[in-house]
């Protein structure tokens, strides 16, 4: 198929996933990635519910992607994060900067209020605190959840997504948010990196049915992030 390309980076929230699209990813492929990741994350949320079985969650998420013509290019080993999550990401410095900008825009810009609410709601599985004061709940309390920081690229029509899957458990006073893990107050943050590719020709045969399934649900769990 022939797709036009976009010349600037963009970002979107899909359920508990922050997606960054590098320059050159066509609008059609951006939509394909958003719809694929929304469908797969919602399937995992539905089957796992509010439990903290995050290995099972990602297994369902990935299996759903494979069933709609994605393929695995790389699976990373789970490692515990010490310090900034950003420092543990297996990405280039320019990609890391895009994530920082996207998260800052998500938190600070009024036009991203809908995206921020979706992200926080989808990330958090359990919260025992009166106030969530900022992005990813900087403050005291006990909570657990998961999220992904994913970067999508396209080269010669081939689409790939490198996603860092992060899950965390916090019990006690935590004032830096889960993007920083200092090992205190029974805090544990774990990260693994996975690279997935899209079988474009095969996916094109199910593209419309996936889009219709999401539309028929009556709920959209994807929204753009402005200000990147």
N, C-alpha and C. Protein backbone atom coordinates (compact mmCIF):
# COMPACT_ATOMS: atom_id res chain seq x y z
N UNK A 1 0.84 -1.18 0.00
CA UNK A 1 0.00 0.00 0.00
C UNK A 1 0.88 1.25 0.00
N UNK A 2 0.38 2.34 -0.45
CA UNK A 2 1.14 3.59 -0.46
C UNK A 2 0.62 4.49 0.64
N UNK A 3 1.56 4.98 1.49
CA UNK A 3 1.18 5.83 2.61
C UNK A 3 1.96 7.13 2.55
N UNK A 4 1.28 8.23 2.82
CA UNK A 4 2.01 9.49 2.97
C UNK A 4 2.77 9.45 4.28
N UNK A 5 3.78 10.31 4.42
CA UNK A 5 4.57 10.30 5.63
C UNK A 5 4.42 11.62 6.35
N UNK A 6 4.73 11.60 7.64
CA UNK A 6 4.69 12.82 8.43
C UNK A 6 6.11 13.22 8.81
N UNK A 7 6.39 14.52 8.80
CA UNK A 7 7.75 14.97 8.97
C UNK A 7 8.13 15.36 10.38
N UNK A 8 7.25 15.25 11.34
CA UNK A 8 7.58 15.62 12.71
C UNK A 8 7.12 14.53 13.67
N UNK A 9 7.75 14.51 14.85
CA UNK A 9 7.37 13.53 15.86
C UNK A 9 6.01 13.87 16.45
N UNK A 10 5.31 12.86 16.93
CA UNK A 10 4.03 13.05 17.59
C UNK A 10 3.89 12.01 18.69
N UNK A 11 2.87 12.16 19.51
CA UNK A 11 2.68 11.24 20.64
C UNK A 11 1.20 11.04 20.90
N UNK A 12 0.89 9.93 21.56
CA UNK A 12 -0.48 9.61 21.92
C UNK A 12 -0.47 8.71 23.14
N UNK A 13 -1.55 8.77 23.91
CA UNK A 13 -1.78 7.83 24.99
C UNK A 13 -2.78 6.79 24.49
N UNK A 14 -2.42 5.52 24.63
CA UNK A 14 -3.33 4.41 24.33
C UNK A 14 -3.42 3.56 25.59
N UNK A 15 -4.52 3.70 26.31
CA UNK A 15 -4.73 3.00 27.58
C UNK A 15 -3.57 3.37 28.52
N UNK A 16 -2.72 2.42 28.90
CA UNK A 16 -1.61 2.71 29.82
C UNK A 16 -0.28 2.84 29.08
N UNK A 17 -0.33 3.16 27.80
CA UNK A 17 0.86 3.22 26.96
C UNK A 17 1.05 4.64 26.43
N UNK A 18 2.25 5.18 26.63
CA UNK A 18 2.61 6.43 25.99
C UNK A 18 3.39 6.09 24.73
N UNK A 19 2.79 6.40 23.58
CA UNK A 19 3.39 6.11 22.28
C UNK A 19 4.00 7.36 21.69
N UNK A 20 5.26 7.27 21.28
CA UNK A 20 5.92 8.35 20.57
C UNK A 20 6.21 7.86 19.15
N UNK A 21 5.76 8.64 18.17
CA UNK A 21 5.99 8.32 16.76
C UNK A 21 7.12 9.19 16.22
N UNK A 22 8.16 8.56 15.72
CA UNK A 22 9.27 9.30 15.15
C UNK A 22 8.86 9.88 13.80
N UNK A 23 9.56 10.92 13.34
CA UNK A 23 9.28 11.45 11.99
C UNK A 23 9.41 10.35 10.95
N UNK A 24 8.48 10.36 9.99
CA UNK A 24 8.51 9.37 8.92
C UNK A 24 7.49 8.26 9.05
N UNK A 25 6.82 8.16 10.20
CA UNK A 25 5.76 7.15 10.35
C UNK A 25 4.49 7.70 9.71
N UNK A 26 3.95 6.98 8.75
CA UNK A 26 2.79 7.47 8.01
C UNK A 26 1.56 7.59 8.90
N UNK A 27 0.64 8.50 8.58
CA UNK A 27 -0.60 8.62 9.36
C UNK A 27 -1.36 7.29 9.46
N UNK A 28 -1.39 6.52 8.36
CA UNK A 28 -2.09 5.23 8.40
C UNK A 28 -1.44 4.28 9.38
N UNK A 29 -0.12 4.22 9.36
CA UNK A 29 0.57 3.32 10.28
C UNK A 29 0.47 3.81 11.72
N UNK A 30 0.42 5.11 11.93
CA UNK A 30 0.19 5.61 13.29
C UNK A 30 -1.16 5.11 13.81
N UNK A 31 -2.17 5.19 12.96
CA UNK A 31 -3.50 4.70 13.36
C UNK A 31 -3.46 3.20 13.61
N UNK A 32 -2.76 2.45 12.76
CA UNK A 32 -2.66 1.00 12.94
C UNK A 32 -2.03 0.66 14.29
N UNK A 33 -0.97 1.37 14.64
CA UNK A 33 -0.28 1.11 15.91
C UNK A 33 -1.19 1.48 17.08
N UNK A 34 -1.81 2.63 17.01
CA UNK A 34 -2.70 3.04 18.12
C UNK A 34 -3.83 2.03 18.31
N UNK A 35 -4.47 1.63 17.23
CA UNK A 35 -5.59 0.70 17.34
C UNK A 35 -5.13 -0.67 17.82
N UNK A 36 -3.99 -1.15 17.34
CA UNK A 36 -3.46 -2.45 17.76
C UNK A 36 -3.14 -2.45 19.25
N UNK A 37 -2.48 -1.38 19.69
CA UNK A 37 -2.06 -1.34 21.09
C UNK A 37 -3.25 -1.10 22.01
N UNK A 38 -4.23 -0.30 21.57
CA UNK A 38 -5.42 -0.13 22.40
C UNK A 38 -6.17 -1.45 22.55
N UNK A 39 -6.39 -2.13 21.43
CA UNK A 39 -7.11 -3.41 21.47
C UNK A 39 -6.42 -4.40 22.38
N UNK A 40 -5.10 -4.50 22.27
CA UNK A 40 -4.34 -5.49 23.03
C UNK A 40 -4.30 -5.15 24.51
N UNK A 41 -4.13 -3.87 24.84
CA UNK A 41 -4.09 -3.46 26.24
C UNK A 41 -5.46 -3.66 26.90
N UNK A 42 -6.52 -3.35 26.17
CA UNK A 42 -7.85 -3.54 26.74
C UNK A 42 -8.15 -5.02 26.95
N UNK A 43 -7.68 -5.87 26.05
CA UNK A 43 -7.87 -7.31 26.21
C UNK A 43 -7.14 -7.80 27.46
N UNK A 44 -5.92 -7.30 27.68
CA UNK A 44 -5.17 -7.70 28.86
C UNK A 44 -5.82 -7.18 30.13
N UNK A 45 -6.27 -5.93 30.13
CA UNK A 45 -6.95 -5.36 31.29
C UNK A 45 -8.19 -6.18 31.65
N UNK A 46 -8.93 -6.57 30.63
CA UNK A 46 -10.19 -7.31 30.86
C UNK A 46 -9.91 -8.66 31.50
N UNK A 47 -8.87 -9.34 31.03
CA UNK A 47 -8.61 -10.70 31.52
C UNK A 47 -7.90 -10.72 32.87
N UNK A 48 -7.06 -9.73 33.10
CA UNK A 48 -6.29 -9.71 34.35
C UNK A 48 -7.03 -8.96 35.45
N UNK A 49 -7.85 -7.97 35.05
CA UNK A 49 -8.58 -7.20 36.04
C UNK A 49 -7.65 -6.34 36.86
N UNK A 50 -7.93 -6.19 38.13
CA UNK A 50 -7.12 -5.33 38.99
C UNK A 50 -6.01 -6.06 39.72
N UNK A 51 -5.71 -7.31 39.32
CA UNK A 51 -4.66 -8.05 40.01
C UNK A 51 -3.29 -7.48 39.64
N UNK A 52 -2.28 -7.92 40.40
CA UNK A 52 -0.92 -7.44 40.13
C UNK A 52 -0.09 -8.50 39.40
N UNK A 53 -0.75 -9.36 38.63
CA UNK A 53 -0.04 -10.37 37.84
C UNK A 53 0.40 -9.73 36.53
N UNK A 54 1.49 -8.96 36.60
CA UNK A 54 1.91 -8.17 35.45
C UNK A 54 2.61 -9.00 34.38
N UNK A 55 3.13 -10.14 34.74
CA UNK A 55 3.68 -11.06 33.73
C UNK A 55 2.54 -11.58 32.85
N UNK A 56 1.45 -11.98 33.50
CA UNK A 56 0.28 -12.45 32.75
C UNK A 56 -0.28 -11.34 31.88
N UNK A 57 -0.33 -10.11 32.42
CA UNK A 57 -0.86 -8.98 31.66
C UNK A 57 -0.09 -8.80 30.35
N UNK A 58 1.24 -8.80 30.44
CA UNK A 58 2.01 -8.55 29.22
C UNK A 58 1.92 -9.74 28.28
N UNK A 59 1.82 -10.95 28.81
CA UNK A 59 1.67 -12.13 27.95
C UNK A 59 0.40 -12.02 27.11
N UNK A 60 -0.70 -11.60 27.74
CA UNK A 60 -1.96 -11.44 27.01
C UNK A 60 -1.85 -10.30 26.01
N UNK A 61 -1.26 -9.20 26.43
CA UNK A 61 -1.06 -8.05 25.54
C UNK A 61 -0.28 -8.46 24.29
N UNK A 62 0.84 -9.13 24.49
CA UNK A 62 1.68 -9.52 23.36
C UNK A 62 1.01 -10.57 22.49
N UNK A 63 0.35 -11.54 23.12
CA UNK A 63 -0.33 -12.60 22.35
C UNK A 63 -1.42 -12.01 21.46
N UNK A 64 -2.14 -11.02 21.99
CA UNK A 64 -3.17 -10.36 21.18
C UNK A 64 -2.55 -9.67 19.98
N UNK A 65 -1.41 -8.99 20.17
CA UNK A 65 -0.72 -8.37 19.05
C UNK A 65 -0.29 -9.41 18.01
N UNK A 66 0.26 -10.52 18.48
CA UNK A 66 0.70 -11.56 17.54
C UNK A 66 -0.48 -12.11 16.75
N UNK A 67 -1.63 -12.18 17.38
CA UNK A 67 -2.82 -12.72 16.71
C UNK A 67 -3.39 -11.78 15.65
N UNK A 68 -2.97 -10.50 15.69
CA UNK A 68 -3.45 -9.55 14.67
C UNK A 68 -2.28 -9.11 13.77
N UNK A 69 -1.34 -10.04 13.60
CA UNK A 69 -0.29 -9.91 12.58
C UNK A 69 0.84 -8.96 12.94
N UNK A 70 1.15 -8.89 14.23
CA UNK A 70 2.43 -8.35 14.66
C UNK A 70 3.38 -9.52 14.88
N UNK A 71 4.67 -9.25 14.93
CA UNK A 71 5.64 -10.31 15.21
C UNK A 71 6.72 -9.78 16.14
N UNK A 72 7.28 -10.71 16.92
CA UNK A 72 8.29 -10.34 17.91
C UNK A 72 9.67 -10.30 17.28
N UNK A 73 10.39 -9.21 17.51
CA UNK A 73 11.76 -9.08 17.03
C UNK A 73 12.77 -9.21 18.16
N UNK A 74 12.35 -8.88 19.37
CA UNK A 74 13.27 -8.95 20.51
C UNK A 74 12.48 -8.94 21.80
N UNK A 75 12.89 -9.78 22.74
CA UNK A 75 12.31 -9.79 24.08
C UNK A 75 13.42 -9.61 25.10
N UNK A 76 13.29 -8.58 25.93
CA UNK A 76 14.31 -8.29 26.92
C UNK A 76 14.05 -9.00 28.23
N UNK A 77 15.07 -9.02 29.07
CA UNK A 77 15.00 -9.64 30.39
C UNK A 77 14.50 -8.59 31.39
N UNK A 78 13.62 -9.01 32.28
CA UNK A 78 13.15 -8.11 33.32
C UNK A 78 14.30 -7.72 34.25
N UNK A 79 14.42 -6.43 34.50
CA UNK A 79 15.45 -5.94 35.41
C UNK A 79 14.84 -4.92 36.35
N UNK A 80 15.33 -4.90 37.59
CA UNK A 80 14.84 -3.93 38.55
C UNK A 80 15.49 -2.57 38.27
N UNK A 81 14.68 -1.53 38.31
CA UNK A 81 15.15 -0.17 38.04
C UNK A 81 15.71 0.43 39.32
N UNK A 82 16.89 1.01 39.21
CA UNK A 82 17.46 1.80 40.30
C UNK A 82 17.71 3.19 39.76
N UNK A 83 17.11 4.20 40.36
CA UNK A 83 17.27 5.56 39.88
C UNK A 83 16.17 5.91 38.90
N UNK A 84 16.49 6.76 37.93
CA UNK A 84 15.49 7.22 36.97
C UNK A 84 15.12 6.14 35.97
N UNK A 85 13.83 5.98 35.74
CA UNK A 85 13.37 5.05 34.71
C UNK A 85 13.96 5.43 33.35
N UNK A 86 14.03 6.73 33.07
CA UNK A 86 14.55 7.19 31.78
C UNK A 86 15.96 6.68 31.53
N UNK A 87 16.76 6.57 32.59
CA UNK A 87 18.14 6.11 32.42
C UNK A 87 18.22 4.63 32.11
N UNK A 88 17.15 3.90 32.36
CA UNK A 88 17.14 2.45 32.11
C UNK A 88 16.53 2.09 30.75
N UNK A 89 15.99 3.08 30.05
CA UNK A 89 15.39 2.81 28.75
C UNK A 89 16.45 2.50 27.71
N UNK A 90 16.20 1.48 26.90
CA UNK A 90 17.12 1.11 25.83
C UNK A 90 16.74 1.88 24.56
N UNK A 91 16.99 3.19 24.60
CA UNK A 91 16.63 4.08 23.49
C UNK A 91 17.78 5.06 23.26
N UNK A 92 17.73 5.76 22.13
CA UNK A 92 18.75 6.77 21.85
C UNK A 92 18.50 8.01 22.70
N UNK A 93 19.49 8.90 22.76
CA UNK A 93 19.33 10.12 23.55
C UNK A 93 18.22 11.00 22.99
N UNK A 94 18.05 11.02 21.66
CA UNK A 94 16.99 11.84 21.07
C UNK A 94 15.61 11.24 21.36
N UNK A 95 15.51 9.91 21.38
CA UNK A 95 14.24 9.27 21.72
C UNK A 95 13.91 9.49 23.19
N UNK A 96 14.93 9.43 24.04
CA UNK A 96 14.71 9.68 25.47
C UNK A 96 14.21 11.11 25.68
N UNK A 97 14.76 12.05 24.94
CA UNK A 97 14.33 13.44 25.06
C UNK A 97 12.88 13.59 24.62
N UNK A 98 12.46 12.85 23.60
CA UNK A 98 11.06 12.90 23.16
C UNK A 98 10.13 12.40 24.25
N UNK A 99 10.53 11.34 24.95
CA UNK A 99 9.71 10.84 26.06
C UNK A 99 9.60 11.89 27.16
N UNK A 100 10.70 12.53 27.49
CA UNK A 100 10.69 13.56 28.52
C UNK A 100 9.76 14.69 28.12
N UNK A 101 9.87 15.13 26.87
CA UNK A 101 9.00 16.21 26.39
C UNK A 101 7.54 15.80 26.39
N UNK A 102 7.28 14.56 25.98
CA UNK A 102 5.89 14.09 25.93
C UNK A 102 5.29 14.03 27.33
N UNK A 103 6.03 13.51 28.29
CA UNK A 103 5.52 13.42 29.66
C UNK A 103 5.36 14.80 30.28
N UNK A 104 6.30 15.71 30.00
CA UNK A 104 6.15 17.08 30.50
C UNK A 104 4.92 17.76 29.91
N UNK A 105 4.71 17.58 28.60
CA UNK A 105 3.54 18.16 27.94
C UNK A 105 2.26 17.54 28.49
N UNK A 106 2.29 16.25 28.72
CA UNK A 106 1.13 15.54 29.25
C UNK A 106 0.73 16.11 30.60
N UNK A 107 1.71 16.44 31.39
CA UNK A 107 1.44 16.92 32.74
C UNK A 107 1.11 18.41 32.79
N UNK A 108 1.73 19.19 31.92
CA UNK A 108 1.70 20.65 32.10
C UNK A 108 0.69 21.38 31.21
N UNK A 109 0.34 20.81 30.06
CA UNK A 109 -0.51 21.54 29.12
C UNK A 109 -1.99 21.23 29.36
N UNK A 110 -2.79 22.30 29.42
CA UNK A 110 -4.22 22.14 29.68
C UNK A 110 -4.91 21.30 28.62
N UNK A 111 -4.44 21.43 27.36
CA UNK A 111 -5.09 20.67 26.29
C UNK A 111 -4.83 19.16 26.38
N UNK A 112 -3.92 18.75 27.27
CA UNK A 112 -3.65 17.33 27.44
C UNK A 112 -4.36 16.74 28.67
N UNK A 113 -5.31 17.48 29.22
CA UNK A 113 -5.99 17.01 30.44
C UNK A 113 -6.66 15.66 30.22
N UNK A 114 -7.30 15.48 29.08
CA UNK A 114 -7.98 14.21 28.79
C UNK A 114 -6.98 13.07 28.71
N UNK A 115 -5.86 13.31 28.02
CA UNK A 115 -4.83 12.28 27.88
C UNK A 115 -4.22 11.93 29.22
N UNK A 116 -4.00 12.95 30.07
CA UNK A 116 -3.41 12.72 31.39
C UNK A 116 -4.34 11.89 32.26
N UNK A 117 -5.62 12.20 32.25
CA UNK A 117 -6.58 11.44 33.04
C UNK A 117 -6.65 9.99 32.57
N UNK A 118 -6.64 9.79 31.26
CA UNK A 118 -6.67 8.43 30.71
C UNK A 118 -5.44 7.66 31.15
N UNK A 119 -4.27 8.30 31.05
CA UNK A 119 -3.02 7.62 31.39
C UNK A 119 -2.98 7.23 32.86
N UNK A 120 -3.27 8.19 33.74
CA UNK A 120 -3.25 7.89 35.18
C UNK A 120 -4.26 6.81 35.55
N UNK A 121 -5.46 6.92 34.98
CA UNK A 121 -6.52 5.93 35.28
C UNK A 121 -6.12 4.54 34.83
N UNK A 122 -5.48 4.45 33.66
CA UNK A 122 -5.13 3.16 33.10
C UNK A 122 -3.90 2.55 33.75
N UNK A 123 -2.98 3.42 34.19
CA UNK A 123 -1.74 2.94 34.81
C UNK A 123 -2.01 2.37 36.19
N UNK A 124 -2.83 3.06 36.97
CA UNK A 124 -3.04 2.70 38.37
C UNK A 124 -4.00 1.53 38.50
N UNK A 125 -3.57 0.49 39.22
CA UNK A 125 -4.46 -0.62 39.53
C UNK A 125 -5.01 -0.52 40.93
N UNK A 126 -4.26 0.12 41.81
CA UNK A 126 -4.72 0.24 43.20
C UNK A 126 -4.11 1.49 43.81
N UNK A 127 -4.93 2.29 44.45
CA UNK A 127 -4.44 3.50 45.10
C UNK A 127 -5.07 3.62 46.47
N UNK A 128 -4.26 3.82 47.50
CA UNK A 128 -4.75 4.10 48.84
C UNK A 128 -4.16 5.44 49.28
N UNK A 129 -4.70 6.52 48.73
CA UNK A 129 -4.25 7.85 49.11
C UNK A 129 -5.34 8.84 48.76
N UNK A 130 -5.36 9.95 49.46
CA UNK A 130 -6.42 10.93 49.26
C UNK A 130 -6.24 11.76 48.01
N UNK A 131 -5.01 12.07 47.68
CA UNK A 131 -4.77 13.00 46.58
C UNK A 131 -3.69 12.46 45.66
N UNK A 132 -3.98 12.46 44.36
CA UNK A 132 -2.95 12.21 43.36
C UNK A 132 -2.58 13.58 42.81
N UNK A 133 -1.43 14.10 43.21
CA UNK A 133 -1.12 15.49 42.95
C UNK A 133 -0.50 15.78 41.61
N UNK A 134 0.00 14.76 40.92
CA UNK A 134 0.75 15.05 39.71
C UNK A 134 0.81 13.80 38.85
N UNK A 135 1.51 13.91 37.73
CA UNK A 135 1.62 12.77 36.83
C UNK A 135 2.26 11.59 37.54
N UNK A 136 1.62 10.44 37.42
CA UNK A 136 2.11 9.23 38.08
C UNK A 136 2.31 9.43 39.58
N UNK A 137 1.31 10.14 40.16
CA UNK A 137 1.07 10.16 41.59
C UNK A 137 2.30 10.39 42.46
N UNK A 138 2.87 11.59 42.37
CA UNK A 138 3.91 11.97 43.31
C UNK A 138 3.24 12.25 44.64
N UNK A 139 3.55 11.49 45.65
CA UNK A 139 2.93 11.69 46.95
C UNK A 139 2.98 10.43 47.78
N UNK A 140 2.37 10.47 48.95
CA UNK A 140 2.39 9.32 49.82
C UNK A 140 1.27 8.35 49.49
N UNK A 141 1.40 7.12 49.97
CA UNK A 141 0.34 6.16 49.78
C UNK A 141 0.87 4.81 49.34
N UNK A 142 -0.04 3.92 49.04
CA UNK A 142 0.32 2.60 48.55
C UNK A 142 -0.40 2.36 47.23
N UNK A 143 0.34 1.95 46.22
CA UNK A 143 -0.25 1.74 44.90
C UNK A 143 0.61 0.81 44.08
N UNK A 144 0.00 0.25 43.07
CA UNK A 144 0.75 -0.57 42.12
C UNK A 144 0.13 -0.41 40.75
N UNK A 145 0.87 -0.73 39.73
CA UNK A 145 0.37 -0.58 38.38
C UNK A 145 1.43 -0.87 37.34
N UNK A 146 1.10 -0.54 36.09
CA UNK A 146 2.02 -0.80 35.00
C UNK A 146 1.81 0.23 33.91
N UNK A 147 2.85 0.49 33.12
CA UNK A 147 2.70 1.36 31.96
C UNK A 147 3.80 1.01 30.97
N UNK A 148 3.66 1.54 29.75
CA UNK A 148 4.68 1.33 28.73
C UNK A 148 5.09 2.67 28.13
N UNK A 149 6.36 2.79 27.84
CA UNK A 149 6.90 3.90 27.07
C UNK A 149 7.37 3.29 25.75
N UNK A 150 6.67 3.61 24.66
CA UNK A 150 6.90 2.94 23.38
C UNK A 150 7.25 3.96 22.31
N UNK A 151 8.23 3.60 21.48
CA UNK A 151 8.63 4.47 20.37
C UNK A 151 8.46 3.71 19.06
N UNK A 152 7.78 4.35 18.11
CA UNK A 152 7.47 3.73 16.83
C UNK A 152 8.27 4.38 15.72
N UNK A 153 8.85 3.54 14.85
CA UNK A 153 9.61 4.04 13.70
C UNK A 153 9.15 3.32 12.43
N UNK A 154 9.43 3.95 11.31
CA UNK A 154 9.10 3.34 10.02
C UNK A 154 10.26 3.58 9.06
N UNK A 155 10.70 2.52 8.42
CA UNK A 155 11.79 2.61 7.45
C UNK A 155 11.44 1.77 6.24
N UNK A 156 11.37 2.41 5.09
CA UNK A 156 11.01 1.73 3.84
C UNK A 156 9.70 0.96 3.97
N UNK A 157 8.76 1.56 4.68
CA UNK A 157 7.44 0.94 4.84
C UNK A 157 7.33 -0.08 5.96
N UNK A 158 8.47 -0.41 6.59
CA UNK A 158 8.46 -1.39 7.68
C UNK A 158 8.29 -0.68 9.02
N UNK A 159 7.29 -1.10 9.78
CA UNK A 159 6.96 -0.46 11.05
C UNK A 159 7.47 -1.31 12.21
N UNK A 160 8.15 -0.66 13.15
CA UNK A 160 8.64 -1.34 14.35
C UNK A 160 8.33 -0.50 15.57
N UNK A 161 8.03 -1.16 16.67
CA UNK A 161 7.79 -0.48 17.95
C UNK A 161 8.69 -1.10 19.00
N UNK A 162 9.48 -0.25 19.65
CA UNK A 162 10.27 -0.68 20.80
C UNK A 162 9.57 -0.17 22.05
N UNK A 163 9.13 -1.10 22.88
CA UNK A 163 8.35 -0.70 24.05
C UNK A 163 9.01 -1.15 25.34
N UNK A 164 9.10 -0.25 26.29
CA UNK A 164 9.61 -0.56 27.62
C UNK A 164 8.43 -0.77 28.54
N UNK A 165 8.30 -1.98 29.05
CA UNK A 165 7.18 -2.35 29.91
C UNK A 165 7.63 -2.22 31.36
N UNK A 166 6.96 -1.35 32.09
CA UNK A 166 7.37 -1.00 33.45
C UNK A 166 6.23 -1.32 34.41
N UNK A 167 6.52 -2.04 35.46
CA UNK A 167 5.50 -2.22 36.50
C UNK A 167 6.12 -1.96 37.86
N UNK A 168 5.29 -1.59 38.82
CA UNK A 168 5.79 -1.05 40.07
C UNK A 168 4.84 -1.37 41.22
N UNK A 169 5.42 -1.38 42.41
CA UNK A 169 4.65 -1.50 43.65
C UNK A 169 5.27 -0.55 44.65
N UNK A 170 4.45 0.26 45.28
CA UNK A 170 4.89 1.23 46.27
C UNK A 170 4.06 1.06 47.53
N UNK A 171 4.72 0.97 48.67
CA UNK A 171 4.02 0.88 49.95
C UNK A 171 4.67 1.86 50.91
N UNK A 172 4.03 2.98 51.14
CA UNK A 172 4.55 3.96 52.06
C UNK A 172 4.70 5.33 51.42
N UNK A 173 5.47 6.19 52.05
CA UNK A 173 5.65 7.55 51.54
C UNK A 173 6.61 7.56 50.35
N UNK A 174 6.14 8.10 49.24
CA UNK A 174 6.95 8.16 48.03
C UNK A 174 6.71 9.52 47.41
N UNK A 175 7.77 10.30 47.24
CA UNK A 175 7.59 11.69 46.81
C UNK A 175 8.22 12.01 45.46
N UNK A 176 8.77 11.03 44.80
CA UNK A 176 9.36 11.29 43.50
C UNK A 176 8.54 10.68 42.37
N UNK A 177 7.51 9.95 42.68
CA UNK A 177 6.74 9.30 41.62
C UNK A 177 7.45 8.06 41.11
N UNK A 178 6.76 7.25 40.33
CA UNK A 178 7.31 5.97 39.92
C UNK A 178 8.30 6.08 38.76
N UNK A 179 8.50 7.27 38.22
CA UNK A 179 9.56 7.42 37.23
C UNK A 179 10.94 7.44 37.88
N UNK A 180 10.96 7.41 39.21
CA UNK A 180 12.21 7.32 39.95
C UNK A 180 12.05 6.27 41.03
N UNK A 181 12.98 5.33 41.10
CA UNK A 181 12.91 4.27 42.10
C UNK A 181 14.18 4.28 42.93
N UNK A 182 14.06 4.61 44.22
CA UNK A 182 15.25 4.67 45.07
C UNK A 182 15.35 3.49 46.03
N UNK A 183 14.41 2.53 45.88
CA UNK A 183 14.49 1.34 46.71
C UNK A 183 14.02 1.54 48.14
N UNK A 184 13.51 2.72 48.45
CA UNK A 184 13.06 2.99 49.80
C UNK A 184 11.58 2.66 49.96
N UNK A 185 11.13 2.67 51.20
CA UNK A 185 9.73 2.44 51.57
C UNK A 185 9.09 1.30 50.77
N UNK A 186 9.84 0.21 50.65
CA UNK A 186 9.29 -0.97 49.97
C UNK A 186 8.79 -0.62 48.58
N UNK A 187 9.65 0.02 47.80
CA UNK A 187 9.33 0.40 46.43
C UNK A 187 10.08 -0.50 45.46
N UNK A 188 9.38 -1.04 44.49
CA UNK A 188 10.05 -1.87 43.48
C UNK A 188 9.51 -1.53 42.10
N UNK A 189 10.41 -1.21 41.19
CA UNK A 189 10.05 -0.91 39.80
C UNK A 189 10.84 -1.83 38.89
N UNK A 190 10.16 -2.50 37.98
CA UNK A 190 10.79 -3.47 37.09
C UNK A 190 10.52 -3.10 35.64
N UNK A 191 11.53 -3.29 34.79
CA UNK A 191 11.44 -2.87 33.39
C UNK A 191 11.95 -3.98 32.47
N UNK A 192 11.27 -4.15 31.36
CA UNK A 192 11.77 -5.03 30.29
C UNK A 192 11.45 -4.38 28.94
N UNK A 193 12.32 -4.59 27.97
CA UNK A 193 12.18 -3.96 26.66
C UNK A 193 11.85 -5.01 25.60
N UNK A 194 10.90 -4.69 24.74
CA UNK A 194 10.44 -5.61 23.70
C UNK A 194 10.33 -4.85 22.38
N UNK A 195 10.73 -5.49 21.30
CA UNK A 195 10.62 -4.89 19.98
C UNK A 195 9.67 -5.73 19.13
N UNK A 196 8.69 -5.07 18.53
CA UNK A 196 7.66 -5.74 17.74
C UNK A 196 7.58 -5.11 16.36
N UNK A 197 7.32 -5.94 15.36
CA UNK A 197 7.15 -5.45 14.00
C UNK A 197 5.75 -5.74 13.49
N UNK A 198 5.31 -4.99 12.50
CA UNK A 198 3.97 -5.12 11.93
C UNK A 198 4.03 -5.78 10.56
N UNK A 199 3.28 -6.87 10.38
CA UNK A 199 3.09 -7.47 9.06
C UNK A 199 2.04 -6.64 8.32
N UNK A 200 2.48 -5.64 7.60
CA UNK A 200 1.55 -4.66 7.04
C UNK A 200 0.54 -5.30 6.08
N UNK A 201 1.02 -6.17 5.21
CA UNK A 201 0.12 -6.79 4.23
C UNK A 201 -0.97 -7.62 4.88
N UNK A 202 -0.61 -8.39 5.90
CA UNK A 202 -1.59 -9.20 6.61
C UNK A 202 -2.50 -8.34 7.47
N UNK A 203 -1.91 -7.34 8.12
CA UNK A 203 -2.72 -6.48 8.99
C UNK A 203 -3.78 -5.72 8.19
N UNK A 204 -3.45 -5.37 6.96
CA UNK A 204 -4.40 -4.61 6.14
C UNK A 204 -5.71 -5.36 5.95
N UNK A 205 -5.67 -6.70 6.08
CA UNK A 205 -6.88 -7.51 5.91
C UNK A 205 -7.79 -7.46 7.14
N UNK A 206 -7.23 -7.09 8.28
CA UNK A 206 -8.04 -7.03 9.51
C UNK A 206 -8.18 -5.61 10.03
N UNK A 207 -7.55 -4.65 9.33
CA UNK A 207 -7.54 -3.24 9.79
C UNK A 207 -8.95 -2.72 10.06
N UNK A 208 -9.85 -2.89 9.11
CA UNK A 208 -11.20 -2.34 9.24
C UNK A 208 -11.98 -3.01 10.36
N UNK A 209 -11.81 -4.32 10.51
CA UNK A 209 -12.55 -5.03 11.56
C UNK A 209 -12.07 -4.64 12.95
N UNK A 210 -10.76 -4.39 13.10
CA UNK A 210 -10.23 -3.94 14.39
C UNK A 210 -10.76 -2.55 14.72
N UNK A 211 -10.73 -1.68 13.73
CA UNK A 211 -11.25 -0.32 13.94
C UNK A 211 -12.72 -0.35 14.31
N UNK A 212 -13.49 -1.19 13.62
CA UNK A 212 -14.93 -1.30 13.91
C UNK A 212 -15.17 -1.86 15.31
N UNK A 213 -14.37 -2.84 15.71
CA UNK A 213 -14.54 -3.42 17.04
C UNK A 213 -14.32 -2.37 18.13
N UNK A 214 -13.31 -1.54 17.95
CA UNK A 214 -13.06 -0.48 18.91
C UNK A 214 -14.18 0.55 18.91
N UNK A 215 -14.64 0.92 17.73
CA UNK A 215 -15.73 1.89 17.63
C UNK A 215 -17.01 1.35 18.23
N UNK A 216 -17.30 0.07 17.99
CA UNK A 216 -18.53 -0.54 18.49
C UNK A 216 -18.55 -0.67 20.01
N UNK A 217 -17.37 -0.62 20.63
CA UNK A 217 -17.32 -0.71 22.10
C UNK A 217 -17.92 0.54 22.74
N UNK A 218 -18.00 1.63 21.95
CA UNK A 218 -18.56 2.87 22.47
C UNK A 218 -17.62 3.66 23.36
N UNK A 219 -16.39 3.17 23.51
CA UNK A 219 -15.40 3.82 24.37
C UNK A 219 -14.09 3.91 23.62
N UNK A 220 -13.49 5.08 23.64
CA UNK A 220 -12.16 5.24 23.05
C UNK A 220 -11.15 5.42 24.17
N UNK A 221 -10.09 4.62 24.16
CA UNK A 221 -9.04 4.73 25.15
C UNK A 221 -7.71 5.09 24.48
N UNK A 222 -7.79 6.01 23.51
CA UNK A 222 -6.60 6.58 22.91
C UNK A 222 -6.87 8.06 22.65
N UNK A 223 -5.86 8.87 22.87
CA UNK A 223 -6.00 10.30 22.64
C UNK A 223 -4.63 10.91 22.38
N UNK A 224 -4.54 11.90 21.47
CA UNK A 224 -3.26 12.50 21.14
C UNK A 224 -2.69 13.33 22.28
N UNK A 225 -1.38 13.47 22.28
CA UNK A 225 -0.68 14.34 23.24
C UNK A 225 -0.16 15.55 22.48
N UNK A 226 -0.58 16.73 22.86
CA UNK A 226 -0.14 17.96 22.21
C UNK A 226 1.15 18.47 22.80
N UNK A 227 1.85 19.30 22.02
CA UNK A 227 3.00 20.00 22.56
C UNK A 227 4.33 19.33 22.42
N UNK A 228 4.39 18.26 21.60
CA UNK A 228 5.65 17.54 21.44
C UNK A 228 6.60 18.34 20.56
